[in-house]
N, C-alpha and C. Protein backbone atom coordinates (compact mmCIF):
# COMPACT_ATOMS: atom_id res chain seq x y z
N UNK A 1 127.48 86.21 86.02
CA UNK A 1 126.03 86.45 86.21
C UNK A 1 125.32 85.10 86.47
N UNK A 2 125.74 84.05 85.82
CA UNK A 2 125.15 82.71 86.11
C UNK A 2 125.36 82.33 87.50
N UNK A 3 126.51 82.61 88.00
CA UNK A 3 126.90 82.23 89.47
C UNK A 3 125.89 83.07 90.37
N UNK A 4 125.85 84.28 90.11
CA UNK A 4 124.95 85.18 91.02
C UNK A 4 123.56 84.67 90.89
N UNK A 5 123.03 84.44 89.79
CA UNK A 5 121.64 83.88 89.57
C UNK A 5 121.44 82.56 90.34
N UNK A 6 122.44 81.63 90.39
CA UNK A 6 122.37 80.43 91.12
C UNK A 6 122.28 80.67 92.48
N UNK A 7 123.13 81.68 93.06
CA UNK A 7 123.09 81.88 94.44
C UNK A 7 121.78 82.44 94.84
N UNK A 8 121.22 83.37 94.02
CA UNK A 8 119.94 83.93 94.34
C UNK A 8 118.85 82.78 94.28
N UNK A 9 118.93 81.95 93.40
CA UNK A 9 117.97 80.87 93.33
C UNK A 9 118.06 80.00 94.63
N UNK A 10 119.22 79.72 95.04
CA UNK A 10 119.42 78.92 96.31
C UNK A 10 118.82 79.62 97.50
N UNK A 11 119.04 80.90 97.52
CA UNK A 11 118.56 81.63 98.64
C UNK A 11 116.97 81.80 98.64
N UNK A 12 116.49 81.85 97.35
CA UNK A 12 115.01 82.03 97.23
C UNK A 12 114.34 80.72 97.64
N UNK A 13 115.02 79.64 97.28
CA UNK A 13 114.40 78.35 97.65
C UNK A 13 114.55 78.09 99.24
N UNK A 14 115.66 78.51 99.79
CA UNK A 14 115.86 78.24 101.23
C UNK A 14 115.12 79.15 102.14
N UNK A 15 115.16 80.54 101.81
CA UNK A 15 114.62 81.67 102.53
C UNK A 15 113.70 82.51 101.69
N UNK A 16 112.67 82.01 101.21
CA UNK A 16 111.90 82.82 100.02
C UNK A 16 111.42 84.20 100.58
N UNK A 17 110.85 84.27 101.75
CA UNK A 17 110.38 85.53 102.25
C UNK A 17 111.48 86.55 102.50
N UNK A 18 112.45 86.17 103.17
CA UNK A 18 113.58 87.15 103.45
C UNK A 18 114.22 87.62 102.16
N UNK A 19 114.44 86.63 101.19
CA UNK A 19 115.01 87.00 99.88
C UNK A 19 114.09 88.04 99.16
N UNK A 20 112.84 87.85 99.15
CA UNK A 20 111.87 88.59 98.50
C UNK A 20 111.79 90.08 99.16
N UNK A 21 111.90 90.05 100.58
CA UNK A 21 111.87 91.27 101.25
C UNK A 21 113.09 92.12 100.89
N UNK A 22 114.30 91.55 100.74
CA UNK A 22 115.48 92.33 100.44
C UNK A 22 115.48 92.80 98.96
N UNK A 23 115.22 91.82 98.03
CA UNK A 23 115.24 92.18 96.55
C UNK A 23 114.12 93.24 96.24
N UNK A 24 112.94 93.03 96.92
CA UNK A 24 111.77 93.85 96.52
C UNK A 24 112.05 95.32 97.06
N UNK A 25 112.56 95.45 98.20
CA UNK A 25 112.91 96.68 98.80
C UNK A 25 114.03 97.43 97.84
N UNK A 26 114.99 96.65 97.38
CA UNK A 26 115.96 97.24 96.57
C UNK A 26 115.41 97.77 95.31
N UNK A 27 114.64 96.91 94.69
CA UNK A 27 114.06 97.29 93.31
C UNK A 27 113.07 98.48 93.43
N UNK A 28 112.21 98.47 94.58
CA UNK A 28 111.34 99.69 94.66
C UNK A 28 112.24 100.99 94.84
N UNK A 29 113.27 100.87 95.57
CA UNK A 29 114.25 102.06 95.79
C UNK A 29 114.77 102.38 94.40
N UNK A 30 115.15 101.35 93.52
CA UNK A 30 115.68 101.67 92.23
C UNK A 30 114.74 102.43 91.37
N UNK A 31 113.46 102.10 91.48
CA UNK A 31 112.43 102.73 90.77
C UNK A 31 112.27 104.16 91.21
N UNK A 32 112.41 104.52 92.47
CA UNK A 32 112.27 105.84 92.96
C UNK A 32 113.49 106.66 92.54
N UNK A 33 114.71 106.00 92.55
CA UNK A 33 115.99 106.68 92.04
C UNK A 33 115.76 107.04 90.68
N UNK A 34 115.25 106.23 89.78
CA UNK A 34 115.06 106.66 88.38
C UNK A 34 114.14 107.68 88.26
N UNK A 35 113.11 107.62 89.04
CA UNK A 35 112.11 108.78 88.89
C UNK A 35 112.56 110.02 89.34
N UNK A 36 113.49 110.12 90.35
CA UNK A 36 114.02 111.41 90.76
C UNK A 36 114.98 111.87 89.67
N UNK A 37 115.68 111.01 89.09
CA UNK A 37 116.59 111.42 87.98
C UNK A 37 116.10 111.76 86.64
N UNK A 38 114.97 111.03 86.30
CA UNK A 38 114.27 111.19 84.91
C UNK A 38 113.23 112.15 84.94
N UNK A 39 112.62 112.44 86.21
CA UNK A 39 111.53 113.40 86.27
C UNK A 39 111.69 114.40 87.41
N UNK A 40 112.79 115.13 87.42
CA UNK A 40 113.00 116.13 88.37
C UNK A 40 111.86 117.29 88.37
N UNK A 41 111.64 117.99 89.41
CA UNK A 41 110.70 119.06 89.46
C UNK A 41 111.08 120.11 88.28
N UNK A 42 110.08 120.58 87.56
CA UNK A 42 110.50 121.57 86.53
C UNK A 42 110.84 122.85 86.99
N UNK A 43 110.56 123.19 88.23
CA UNK A 43 110.85 124.54 88.74
C UNK A 43 112.12 124.62 89.51
N UNK A 44 112.90 123.49 89.57
CA UNK A 44 114.18 123.48 90.19
C UNK A 44 115.21 123.06 89.22
N UNK A 45 116.30 123.88 88.88
CA UNK A 45 117.23 123.55 87.85
C UNK A 45 118.03 122.23 88.22
N UNK A 46 118.55 122.29 89.43
CA UNK A 46 119.25 121.02 89.82
C UNK A 46 118.80 120.67 91.25
N UNK A 47 117.71 119.81 91.34
CA UNK A 47 117.18 119.60 92.57
C UNK A 47 118.02 118.62 93.41
N UNK A 48 118.11 118.77 94.71
CA UNK A 48 118.87 117.90 95.52
C UNK A 48 118.15 116.50 95.54
N UNK A 49 119.00 115.46 95.70
CA UNK A 49 118.32 114.15 95.81
C UNK A 49 117.60 113.94 97.15
N UNK A 50 116.44 113.49 96.97
CA UNK A 50 115.57 113.26 98.19
C UNK A 50 115.73 111.80 98.69
N UNK A 51 116.59 111.78 99.61
CA UNK A 51 116.95 110.43 100.21
C UNK A 51 115.72 109.82 101.01
N UNK A 52 115.10 110.69 101.79
CA UNK A 52 113.92 110.13 102.61
C UNK A 52 112.85 109.53 101.64
N UNK A 53 112.64 110.16 100.47
CA UNK A 53 111.71 109.63 99.53
C UNK A 53 112.10 108.17 99.14
N UNK A 54 113.38 107.94 98.84
CA UNK A 54 113.81 106.64 98.46
C UNK A 54 113.73 105.74 99.52
N UNK A 55 114.04 106.15 100.70
CA UNK A 55 113.89 105.24 101.85
C UNK A 55 112.47 104.79 102.06
N UNK A 56 111.58 105.64 101.90
CA UNK A 56 110.17 105.30 101.98
C UNK A 56 109.83 104.25 101.01
N UNK A 57 110.32 104.38 99.75
CA UNK A 57 110.09 103.41 98.73
C UNK A 57 110.64 102.07 99.09
N UNK A 58 111.86 102.02 99.65
CA UNK A 58 112.47 100.80 100.06
C UNK A 58 111.62 100.09 101.21
N UNK A 59 111.23 100.90 102.12
CA UNK A 59 110.49 100.29 103.31
C UNK A 59 109.16 99.74 102.79
N UNK A 60 108.54 100.58 101.91
CA UNK A 60 107.25 99.99 101.36
C UNK A 60 107.42 98.75 100.56
N UNK A 61 108.55 98.74 99.77
CA UNK A 61 108.77 97.52 99.05
C UNK A 61 108.99 96.31 99.84
N UNK A 62 109.89 96.42 100.89
CA UNK A 62 110.33 95.26 101.68
C UNK A 62 109.39 94.89 102.72
N UNK A 63 108.87 95.88 103.47
CA UNK A 63 107.88 95.57 104.62
C UNK A 63 106.60 95.37 104.21
N UNK A 64 106.03 96.21 103.24
CA UNK A 64 104.64 96.06 102.91
C UNK A 64 104.38 95.19 101.77
N UNK A 65 104.91 95.53 100.57
CA UNK A 65 104.68 94.82 99.31
C UNK A 65 105.20 93.43 99.25
N UNK A 66 106.41 93.21 99.66
CA UNK A 66 107.02 91.79 99.58
C UNK A 66 106.24 90.78 100.30
N UNK A 67 105.76 90.90 101.51
CA UNK A 67 105.07 89.81 102.08
C UNK A 67 103.69 89.60 101.51
N UNK A 68 103.00 90.79 101.05
CA UNK A 68 101.64 90.65 100.46
C UNK A 68 101.87 89.99 99.12
N UNK A 69 102.86 90.52 98.41
CA UNK A 69 103.05 89.94 96.95
C UNK A 69 103.43 88.52 97.00
N UNK A 70 104.30 88.15 97.96
CA UNK A 70 104.72 86.67 98.08
C UNK A 70 103.51 85.85 98.32
N UNK A 71 102.68 86.17 99.27
CA UNK A 71 101.43 85.43 99.62
C UNK A 71 100.44 85.45 98.40
N UNK A 72 100.33 86.58 97.76
CA UNK A 72 99.31 86.75 96.66
C UNK A 72 99.73 85.73 95.54
N UNK A 73 101.09 85.67 95.29
CA UNK A 73 101.49 84.78 94.15
C UNK A 73 101.33 83.28 94.61
N UNK A 74 101.36 82.93 95.83
CA UNK A 74 101.14 81.62 96.26
C UNK A 74 99.59 81.27 95.99
N UNK A 75 98.74 82.33 96.24
CA UNK A 75 97.24 82.20 96.09
C UNK A 75 97.04 81.92 94.53
N UNK A 76 97.72 82.79 93.75
CA UNK A 76 97.51 82.72 92.32
C UNK A 76 97.88 81.29 91.77
N UNK A 77 98.84 80.77 92.34
CA UNK A 77 99.51 79.45 91.86
C UNK A 77 98.48 78.32 92.04
N UNK A 78 97.60 78.48 93.03
CA UNK A 78 96.59 77.32 93.30
C UNK A 78 95.33 77.59 92.49
N UNK A 79 95.15 78.65 91.86
CA UNK A 79 93.89 78.95 91.01
C UNK A 79 94.10 78.04 89.71
N UNK A 80 93.03 77.25 89.51
CA UNK A 80 93.04 76.34 88.29
C UNK A 80 91.65 76.27 87.78
N UNK A 81 91.53 75.89 86.51
CA UNK A 81 90.21 75.77 85.90
C UNK A 81 89.55 74.59 86.58
N UNK A 82 88.33 74.73 86.93
CA UNK A 82 87.50 73.55 87.38
C UNK A 82 87.33 72.40 86.54
N UNK A 83 87.43 72.62 85.20
CA UNK A 83 87.27 71.63 84.13
C UNK A 83 88.74 71.35 83.52
N UNK A 84 89.20 70.15 83.68
CA UNK A 84 90.54 69.74 83.04
C UNK A 84 90.29 69.26 81.66
N UNK A 85 91.25 69.45 80.77
CA UNK A 85 91.27 68.97 79.50
C UNK A 85 92.36 67.92 79.21
N UNK A 86 92.03 66.97 78.35
CA UNK A 86 92.98 65.97 78.00
C UNK A 86 94.34 66.49 77.65
N UNK A 87 94.40 67.55 76.86
CA UNK A 87 95.72 68.28 76.45
C UNK A 87 95.99 69.12 77.61
N UNK A 88 97.26 68.83 78.10
CA UNK A 88 97.63 69.68 79.31
C UNK A 88 97.91 71.14 78.84
N UNK A 89 98.33 71.40 77.68
CA UNK A 89 98.59 72.70 77.29
C UNK A 89 97.28 73.60 77.33
N UNK A 90 96.16 72.95 76.97
CA UNK A 90 94.88 73.77 76.94
C UNK A 90 94.60 74.09 78.50
N UNK A 91 94.77 73.23 79.36
CA UNK A 91 94.43 73.47 80.75
C UNK A 91 95.40 74.46 81.34
N UNK A 92 96.61 74.36 80.89
CA UNK A 92 97.74 75.47 81.32
C UNK A 92 97.39 76.80 80.88
N UNK A 93 96.88 76.89 79.55
CA UNK A 93 96.55 78.19 79.06
C UNK A 93 95.36 78.73 79.88
N UNK A 94 94.28 77.80 80.08
CA UNK A 94 93.12 78.22 80.86
C UNK A 94 93.52 78.73 82.30
N UNK A 95 94.51 77.98 82.92
CA UNK A 95 94.84 78.47 84.22
C UNK A 95 95.59 79.72 84.24
N UNK A 96 96.31 79.97 83.26
CA UNK A 96 97.18 81.25 83.16
C UNK A 96 96.18 82.31 83.03
N UNK A 97 95.08 82.16 82.06
CA UNK A 97 94.17 83.24 81.94
C UNK A 97 93.36 83.57 83.18
N UNK A 98 92.98 82.54 83.89
CA UNK A 98 92.34 82.86 85.20
C UNK A 98 93.22 83.56 86.17
N UNK A 99 94.51 83.25 86.22
CA UNK A 99 95.47 83.87 87.15
C UNK A 99 95.58 85.28 86.78
N UNK A 100 95.79 85.54 85.49
CA UNK A 100 95.95 86.82 84.95
C UNK A 100 94.80 87.68 85.30
N UNK A 101 93.55 87.15 85.05
CA UNK A 101 92.33 87.67 85.27
C UNK A 101 92.26 88.20 86.73
N UNK A 102 92.48 87.28 87.68
CA UNK A 102 92.37 87.60 89.06
C UNK A 102 93.39 88.65 89.53
N UNK A 103 94.63 88.59 88.94
CA UNK A 103 95.65 89.54 89.24
C UNK A 103 95.29 91.05 88.80
N UNK A 104 94.77 91.07 87.66
CA UNK A 104 94.38 92.29 86.90
C UNK A 104 93.07 92.96 87.42
N UNK A 105 92.08 92.03 87.78
CA UNK A 105 90.75 92.52 88.10
C UNK A 105 90.46 92.65 89.55
N UNK A 106 91.30 91.91 90.35
CA UNK A 106 91.02 92.08 91.86
C UNK A 106 92.36 92.69 92.38
N UNK A 107 93.51 92.16 92.33
CA UNK A 107 94.56 92.71 93.10
C UNK A 107 95.08 94.02 92.70
N UNK A 108 95.16 94.23 91.40
CA UNK A 108 95.64 95.60 90.97
C UNK A 108 94.73 96.65 91.27
N UNK A 109 93.35 96.71 90.93
CA UNK A 109 92.52 97.80 91.29
C UNK A 109 92.15 97.97 92.68
N UNK A 110 92.01 96.78 93.47
CA UNK A 110 91.41 96.95 94.84
C UNK A 110 92.52 96.69 95.92
N UNK A 111 93.63 96.24 95.62
CA UNK A 111 94.75 96.04 96.47
C UNK A 111 95.90 96.79 96.29
N UNK A 112 96.56 96.35 95.11
CA UNK A 112 97.90 96.95 94.86
C UNK A 112 97.96 98.39 94.62
N UNK A 113 97.19 98.94 93.78
CA UNK A 113 97.23 100.44 93.55
C UNK A 113 96.85 101.25 94.80
N UNK A 114 95.63 101.08 95.25
CA UNK A 114 95.26 101.81 96.48
C UNK A 114 96.21 101.65 97.68
N UNK A 115 96.77 100.45 97.80
CA UNK A 115 97.66 100.24 98.85
C UNK A 115 98.98 101.09 98.68
N UNK A 116 99.45 101.23 97.50
CA UNK A 116 100.70 101.91 97.34
C UNK A 116 100.50 103.34 97.71
N UNK A 117 99.34 103.99 97.10
CA UNK A 117 99.13 105.37 97.32
C UNK A 117 98.88 105.74 98.72
N UNK A 118 98.08 104.81 99.36
CA UNK A 118 97.71 105.10 100.86
C UNK A 118 98.89 104.92 101.76
N UNK A 119 99.69 103.80 101.64
CA UNK A 119 100.80 103.59 102.50
C UNK A 119 101.93 104.66 102.32
N UNK A 120 102.18 104.92 100.97
CA UNK A 120 103.31 105.89 100.73
C UNK A 120 102.92 107.24 101.17
N UNK A 121 101.65 107.60 101.11
CA UNK A 121 101.21 108.92 101.72
C UNK A 121 101.21 108.93 103.26
N UNK A 122 100.95 107.84 103.86
CA UNK A 122 101.01 107.84 105.40
C UNK A 122 102.46 107.87 105.72
N UNK A 123 103.34 107.26 105.06
CA UNK A 123 104.85 107.26 105.35
C UNK A 123 105.46 108.67 105.51
N UNK A 124 104.67 109.59 105.03
CA UNK A 124 105.21 111.03 105.09
C UNK A 124 104.87 111.58 106.51
N UNK A 125 104.08 110.85 107.29
CA UNK A 125 103.76 111.27 108.70
C UNK A 125 103.19 112.68 108.78
N UNK A 126 102.23 112.87 107.75
CA UNK A 126 101.62 114.23 107.98
C UNK A 126 100.31 114.02 108.75
N UNK A 127 100.25 114.78 109.72
CA UNK A 127 99.31 114.52 110.75
C UNK A 127 98.04 115.25 110.53
N UNK A 128 98.12 116.37 109.68
CA UNK A 128 96.82 117.18 109.43
C UNK A 128 96.16 116.73 108.16
N UNK A 129 94.89 116.55 108.24
CA UNK A 129 93.97 116.10 107.09
C UNK A 129 94.56 115.00 106.41
N UNK A 130 95.07 113.92 107.20
CA UNK A 130 95.65 112.79 106.37
C UNK A 130 94.60 112.04 105.61
N UNK A 131 93.40 112.04 105.99
CA UNK A 131 92.30 111.33 105.29
C UNK A 131 92.07 111.95 103.89
N UNK A 132 92.07 113.36 103.91
CA UNK A 132 91.92 114.14 102.71
C UNK A 132 93.06 113.99 101.76
N UNK A 133 94.27 113.94 102.32
CA UNK A 133 95.52 113.75 101.59
C UNK A 133 95.52 112.45 100.85
N UNK A 134 95.13 111.36 101.55
CA UNK A 134 95.04 110.04 100.91
C UNK A 134 93.93 109.94 99.85
N UNK A 135 92.80 110.66 100.17
CA UNK A 135 91.63 110.50 99.32
C UNK A 135 92.05 111.35 98.03
N UNK A 136 92.76 112.47 98.22
CA UNK A 136 93.07 113.25 96.99
C UNK A 136 94.01 112.45 96.16
N UNK A 137 95.00 111.75 96.69
CA UNK A 137 95.91 110.91 95.85
C UNK A 137 95.20 109.91 95.09
N UNK A 138 94.13 109.22 95.67
CA UNK A 138 93.41 108.22 95.16
C UNK A 138 92.50 108.80 93.98
N UNK A 139 91.94 109.99 94.31
CA UNK A 139 91.03 110.55 93.36
C UNK A 139 91.72 110.91 92.05
N UNK A 140 92.92 111.45 92.31
CA UNK A 140 93.72 111.87 91.11
C UNK A 140 94.27 110.74 90.28
N UNK A 141 94.91 109.81 91.14
CA UNK A 141 95.84 108.89 90.43
C UNK A 141 95.29 107.54 90.19
N UNK A 142 94.25 106.96 90.91
CA UNK A 142 93.85 105.61 90.90
C UNK A 142 93.44 105.18 89.53
N UNK A 143 92.44 106.04 88.83
CA UNK A 143 92.05 105.45 87.55
C UNK A 143 93.11 105.59 86.48
N UNK A 144 93.80 106.66 86.49
CA UNK A 144 94.89 106.82 85.46
C UNK A 144 95.93 105.70 85.66
N UNK A 145 96.27 105.36 86.87
CA UNK A 145 97.27 104.33 87.12
C UNK A 145 96.75 102.91 86.66
N UNK A 146 95.50 102.75 86.82
CA UNK A 146 94.83 101.46 86.62
C UNK A 146 94.83 101.33 85.11
N UNK A 147 94.53 102.34 84.36
CA UNK A 147 94.44 102.29 82.87
C UNK A 147 95.90 101.92 82.43
N UNK A 148 96.83 102.63 82.94
CA UNK A 148 98.34 102.40 82.51
C UNK A 148 98.63 100.92 82.89
N UNK A 149 98.22 100.50 84.07
CA UNK A 149 98.53 99.08 84.49
C UNK A 149 98.00 98.01 83.49
N UNK A 150 96.75 98.37 83.00
CA UNK A 150 96.15 97.34 82.03
C UNK A 150 96.83 97.38 80.67
N UNK A 151 97.64 98.52 80.27
CA UNK A 151 98.27 98.55 79.11
C UNK A 151 99.50 97.68 79.08
N UNK A 152 100.19 97.49 80.27
CA UNK A 152 101.47 96.87 80.27
C UNK A 152 101.50 95.53 80.99
N UNK A 153 100.68 95.43 82.08
CA UNK A 153 100.80 94.23 82.91
C UNK A 153 100.12 92.94 82.36
N UNK A 154 99.05 92.88 81.80
CA UNK A 154 98.29 91.64 81.36
C UNK A 154 99.30 90.80 80.52
N UNK A 155 99.92 91.48 79.51
CA UNK A 155 100.70 90.69 78.54
C UNK A 155 101.93 90.14 79.32
N UNK A 156 102.47 91.00 80.23
CA UNK A 156 103.72 90.43 80.86
C UNK A 156 103.31 89.33 81.81
N UNK A 157 102.15 89.40 82.48
CA UNK A 157 101.72 88.30 83.38
C UNK A 157 101.33 87.09 82.69
N UNK A 158 100.92 87.19 81.47
CA UNK A 158 100.74 85.99 80.66
C UNK A 158 101.99 85.20 80.54
N UNK A 159 103.04 85.96 80.25
CA UNK A 159 104.26 85.36 80.08
C UNK A 159 104.76 84.72 81.37
N UNK A 160 104.53 85.57 82.32
CA UNK A 160 105.13 85.18 83.71
C UNK A 160 104.39 83.99 84.24
N UNK A 161 103.09 83.84 84.30
CA UNK A 161 102.45 82.77 84.83
C UNK A 161 102.54 81.49 84.01
N UNK A 162 102.63 81.74 82.73
CA UNK A 162 102.70 80.45 81.73
C UNK A 162 104.03 79.82 81.74
N UNK A 163 105.18 80.63 81.75
CA UNK A 163 106.48 80.05 81.56
C UNK A 163 107.41 79.98 82.75
N UNK A 164 107.20 80.77 83.68
CA UNK A 164 108.10 80.89 84.85
C UNK A 164 107.73 79.95 86.00
N UNK A 165 108.70 79.38 86.72
CA UNK A 165 108.36 78.61 87.93
C UNK A 165 107.75 79.61 89.02
N UNK A 166 107.02 78.99 89.91
CA UNK A 166 106.34 79.79 90.95
C UNK A 166 107.25 80.67 91.73
N UNK A 167 108.44 80.09 92.21
CA UNK A 167 109.31 80.89 92.94
C UNK A 167 110.14 82.02 92.26
N UNK A 168 110.04 82.11 90.93
CA UNK A 168 110.61 83.12 90.16
C UNK A 168 109.66 84.35 89.77
N UNK A 169 108.40 84.02 90.08
CA UNK A 169 107.32 84.94 89.51
C UNK A 169 107.46 86.27 90.20
N UNK A 170 107.66 86.35 91.47
CA UNK A 170 107.65 87.70 92.18
C UNK A 170 108.91 88.35 91.78
N UNK A 171 110.10 87.71 91.58
CA UNK A 171 111.30 88.32 91.16
C UNK A 171 111.20 88.91 89.72
N UNK A 172 110.41 88.11 88.92
CA UNK A 172 110.23 88.66 87.54
C UNK A 172 109.33 89.93 87.56
N UNK A 173 108.28 89.96 88.37
CA UNK A 173 107.51 91.11 88.49
C UNK A 173 108.30 92.29 89.08
N UNK A 174 109.12 92.08 90.15
CA UNK A 174 109.93 93.19 90.61
C UNK A 174 110.87 93.74 89.56
N UNK A 175 111.57 92.83 88.84
CA UNK A 175 112.46 93.43 87.86
C UNK A 175 111.76 94.09 86.82
N UNK A 176 110.62 93.67 86.24
CA UNK A 176 109.72 94.42 85.31
C UNK A 176 109.26 95.71 86.01
N UNK A 177 109.11 95.60 87.25
CA UNK A 177 108.47 96.80 87.99
C UNK A 177 109.49 97.93 88.20
N UNK A 178 110.71 97.82 87.92
CA UNK A 178 111.66 98.95 88.06
C UNK A 178 111.06 100.10 87.27
N UNK A 179 110.69 99.89 86.07
CA UNK A 179 110.04 100.98 85.28
C UNK A 179 108.76 101.39 85.84
N UNK A 180 107.88 100.39 86.17
CA UNK A 180 106.58 100.69 86.77
C UNK A 180 106.77 101.49 88.05
N UNK A 181 107.64 101.03 88.90
CA UNK A 181 107.78 101.86 90.15
C UNK A 181 108.25 103.31 89.91
N UNK A 182 109.03 103.41 88.88
CA UNK A 182 109.53 104.71 88.55
C UNK A 182 108.31 105.55 88.13
N UNK A 183 107.36 104.96 87.37
CA UNK A 183 106.12 105.73 87.03
C UNK A 183 105.29 106.04 88.21
N UNK A 184 105.03 105.01 89.08
CA UNK A 184 104.33 105.22 90.33
C UNK A 184 104.88 106.37 91.17
N UNK A 185 106.18 106.39 91.36
CA UNK A 185 106.89 107.48 92.14
C UNK A 185 106.63 108.78 91.49
N UNK A 186 106.74 108.82 90.18
CA UNK A 186 106.48 110.18 89.50
C UNK A 186 105.08 110.55 89.77
N UNK A 187 104.09 109.76 89.63
CA UNK A 187 102.68 110.23 89.89
C UNK A 187 102.58 110.56 91.25
N UNK A 188 103.08 109.81 92.28
CA UNK A 188 102.94 110.06 93.63
C UNK A 188 103.46 111.46 94.06
N UNK A 189 104.73 111.83 93.47
CA UNK A 189 105.35 113.10 93.82
C UNK A 189 105.35 114.18 92.89
N UNK A 190 104.58 114.04 91.80
CA UNK A 190 104.53 115.14 90.82
C UNK A 190 103.91 116.34 91.33
N UNK A 191 104.35 117.59 90.83
CA UNK A 191 103.86 118.84 91.24
C UNK A 191 102.97 119.46 90.28
N UNK A 192 102.86 118.92 89.07
CA UNK A 192 102.04 119.47 88.08
C UNK A 192 100.69 118.76 87.82
N UNK A 193 99.97 118.61 89.01
CA UNK A 193 98.71 117.87 89.07
C UNK A 193 97.64 118.83 88.46
N UNK A 194 96.84 118.10 87.75
CA UNK A 194 95.61 118.77 87.11
C UNK A 194 94.51 118.92 88.07
N UNK A 195 94.47 119.90 88.96
CA UNK A 195 93.47 120.00 90.07
C UNK A 195 92.02 120.06 89.44
N UNK A 196 91.92 120.81 88.38
CA UNK A 196 90.53 121.02 87.90
C UNK A 196 89.87 119.61 87.45
N UNK A 197 90.75 118.72 87.08
CA UNK A 197 90.18 117.42 86.49
C UNK A 197 89.42 116.69 87.53
N UNK A 198 89.68 116.86 88.86
CA UNK A 198 89.00 116.19 89.86
C UNK A 198 88.23 117.11 90.78
N UNK A 199 88.26 118.37 90.47
CA UNK A 199 87.36 119.28 91.12
C UNK A 199 87.82 119.58 92.57
N UNK A 200 89.10 119.53 92.91
CA UNK A 200 89.54 119.78 94.30
C UNK A 200 90.21 121.13 94.31
N UNK A 201 89.70 121.97 95.24
CA UNK A 201 90.50 123.22 95.41
C UNK A 201 91.85 123.13 95.69
N UNK A 202 92.71 124.06 95.04
CA UNK A 202 94.14 123.86 95.12
C UNK A 202 94.62 123.91 96.58
N UNK A 203 93.99 124.78 97.40
CA UNK A 203 94.46 124.86 98.82
C UNK A 203 94.33 123.58 99.69
N UNK A 204 93.53 122.66 99.12
CA UNK A 204 93.24 121.32 99.82
C UNK A 204 94.36 120.38 99.50
N UNK A 205 95.21 120.58 98.32
CA UNK A 205 96.13 119.65 98.07
C UNK A 205 97.28 119.74 99.01
N UNK A 206 97.54 118.53 99.78
CA UNK A 206 98.45 118.56 100.80
C UNK A 206 99.69 117.85 100.46
N UNK A 207 99.74 117.15 99.37
CA UNK A 207 100.90 116.19 99.12
C UNK A 207 101.88 116.64 98.12
N UNK A 208 101.76 117.84 97.65
CA UNK A 208 102.77 118.28 96.52
C UNK A 208 104.23 118.35 97.32
N UNK A 209 105.22 117.83 96.71
CA UNK A 209 106.47 117.83 97.39
C UNK A 209 106.63 116.75 98.33
N UNK A 210 107.66 116.76 99.03
CA UNK A 210 107.91 115.80 100.00
C UNK A 210 108.22 116.32 101.38
């Protein structure tokens, strides 16, 4: 395990973007695999495994999220308090709080969550009513996902930004995200949507199933 970690660290320092693309795609796929196994459709006794769904998750993680996430974490790394204190730990804590705040109040609600539901819906290549399909996904899932996000991510990100070196932060997020990606995949693909909660006629729901 130590040898594998050392090799990964070497690759991450030498080719950070490529390494993140491969690892992020794999981990998004792992999250979808868990979602399919832990949350199968309730109306199908033994559902067949949906490989295209997992492939979409891998493509999203590697091609879409990895480059954006890698750049975002570089941006977060340069965020610092304008006022520095004599005690470096106080400044470090202040920097960390600013970074977590930016991540949770800017990236999560306005970039990360809407990007996931929009792109993953587009990846299904549905040509009819695609705008309404994406809008429905966001209307149903955005706020619930954001509330769940705020329950788990701020504490983890405090640890991540304060203790881990910059080049390990995206990996730490991706490892922690296996469970989170499982949750997102479940929300994206669930069939038991509460239509009445958002006031959308049932015949307009285009995204149930894959």
